[in-house]
Protein backbone atom coordinates (compact mmCIF):
# COMPACT_ATOMS: atom_id res chain seq x y z
CA LEU A 1 8.91 -6.20 -3.05
CA ARG A 2 12.02 -8.34 -3.11
CA SER A 3 13.92 -8.33 0.15
CA VAL A 4 17.02 -9.71 1.84
CA VAL A 5 17.39 -10.29 5.60
CA ILE A 6 20.77 -9.33 6.99
CA ASP A 7 21.41 -9.32 10.76
CA GLY A 8 17.66 -9.04 11.38
CA VAL A 9 17.31 -5.95 9.21
CA ASN A 10 14.99 -6.13 6.21
CA MET A 11 16.33 -4.48 3.10
CA GLY A 12 15.01 -4.39 -0.42
CA CYS A 13 14.69 -2.21 -3.43
CA PRO A 14 11.28 -0.85 -4.40
CA CYS A 15 9.67 -2.47 -7.41
CA CYS A 16 6.52 -2.05 -9.47
CA GLY A 17 3.22 -3.15 -7.94
CA VAL A 18 2.46 -5.33 -10.97
CA HIS A 19 3.48 -8.92 -10.29
CA ASP A 20 6.79 -9.93 -11.96
CA CYS A 21 7.42 -6.47 -13.46
CA ASP A 22 11.15 -5.71 -13.43
CA ASN A 23 10.92 -2.09 -14.61
CA THR A 24 12.49 0.51 -12.34
CA LEU A 25 10.44 3.14 -10.56
CA ASN A 26 10.96 6.85 -11.16
CA SER A 27 10.93 7.46 -7.41
CA VAL A 28 10.97 5.26 -4.29
CA ARG A 29 7.57 6.77 -3.45
CA ASP A 30 5.95 5.41 -6.64
CA ARG A 31 3.78 2.29 -6.56
CA PHE A 32 4.04 1.57 -10.27
CA CYS A 33 6.68 1.94 -12.98
CA PRO A 34 6.08 4.38 -15.88
CA GLU A 35 4.73 1.56 -18.06
CA HIS A 36 2.06 0.64 -15.48
CA ALA A 37 1.39 4.18 -14.19
CA HIS A 38 -2.24 4.00 -15.37
CA PHE A 39 -2.95 1.59 -12.48
CA ARG A 40 -2.63 4.55 -10.07
CA GLN A 41 -6.14 5.56 -11.17
CA GLN A 42 -7.55 2.11 -10.28
CA CYS A 43 -8.72 0.99 -6.82
CA ALA A 44 -5.92 -0.53 -4.71
CA VAL A 45 -8.09 -3.57 -3.89
CA THR A 46 -6.84 -6.21 -6.33
CA SER A 47 -10.27 -7.58 -7.20
CA CYS A 48 -11.69 -4.11 -7.99
CA SER A 49 -11.22 -2.10 -11.19
CA GLU A 50 -13.21 1.01 -10.18
CA PRO A 51 -11.52 4.42 -10.38
CA VAL A 52 -9.98 5.90 -7.22
CA GLN A 53 -11.37 8.97 -5.52
CA GLN A 54 -9.16 12.03 -5.19
CA GLY A 55 -6.95 11.82 -2.11
CA PHE A 56 -7.46 8.07 -1.69
CA LYS A 57 -6.08 4.86 -3.16
CA THR A 58 -9.49 3.17 -3.12
CA CYS A 59 -12.86 3.66 -4.82
CA LEU A 60 -16.14 4.83 -3.26
CA LEU A 61 -17.18 1.37 -2.00
CA SER A 62 -17.40 1.60 1.78
CA GLU A 63 -15.69 -1.78 2.33
CA HIS A 64 -12.69 -0.70 0.28
CA ARG A 65 -12.51 2.70 1.98
CA GLN A 66 -12.63 1.04 5.40
CA LEU A 67 -9.69 -1.18 4.44
CA GLU A 68 -7.63 1.86 3.49
CA LEU A 69 -8.59 3.86 6.58
CA HIS A 70 -7.82 0.89 8.84
CA TYR A 71 -4.44 0.49 7.14
CA TYR A 72 -3.50 4.11 7.94
CA GLU A 73 -5.04 3.94 11.41
CA ARG A 74 -2.61 1.16 12.41
CA GLY A 75 0.24 3.67 12.19
CA GLU A 76 -1.44 6.10 14.56
CA ALA A 77 -0.43 6.29 18.22
CA MET A 78 -4.01 5.94 19.49
CA PHE A 79 -4.43 2.62 17.66
CA GLN A 80 -1.22 1.34 19.25
CA LEU A 81 -2.34 2.52 22.70
CA LYS A 82 -5.68 0.71 22.29
CA THR A 83 -3.84 -2.49 21.40
CA HIS A 84 -1.59 -2.22 24.45
CA LEU A 85 -4.61 -1.55 26.67
CA GLU A 86 -6.39 -4.64 25.32
CA HIS A 87 -3.37 -6.80 26.16
CA LEU A 88 -3.39 -5.56 29.76
């Protein structure tokens, strides 16, 4: 992701998940350009080349699945409430 900071607001245009790839994405929701679309079927952990499981971006390895679940958990309200409670 290439970004520019203007008045404290981060802005950037979406780019391919492959390092230094300048191809455009078909949609802002895509992770990879059409040329690198085959990487969608590979685990999101950069050091892993196992296939993903349906409905996930990671493989069956429990460590990789925990990373993905923790990533999505951070956006949940209960996770944020737990963090605020710990600070009190």
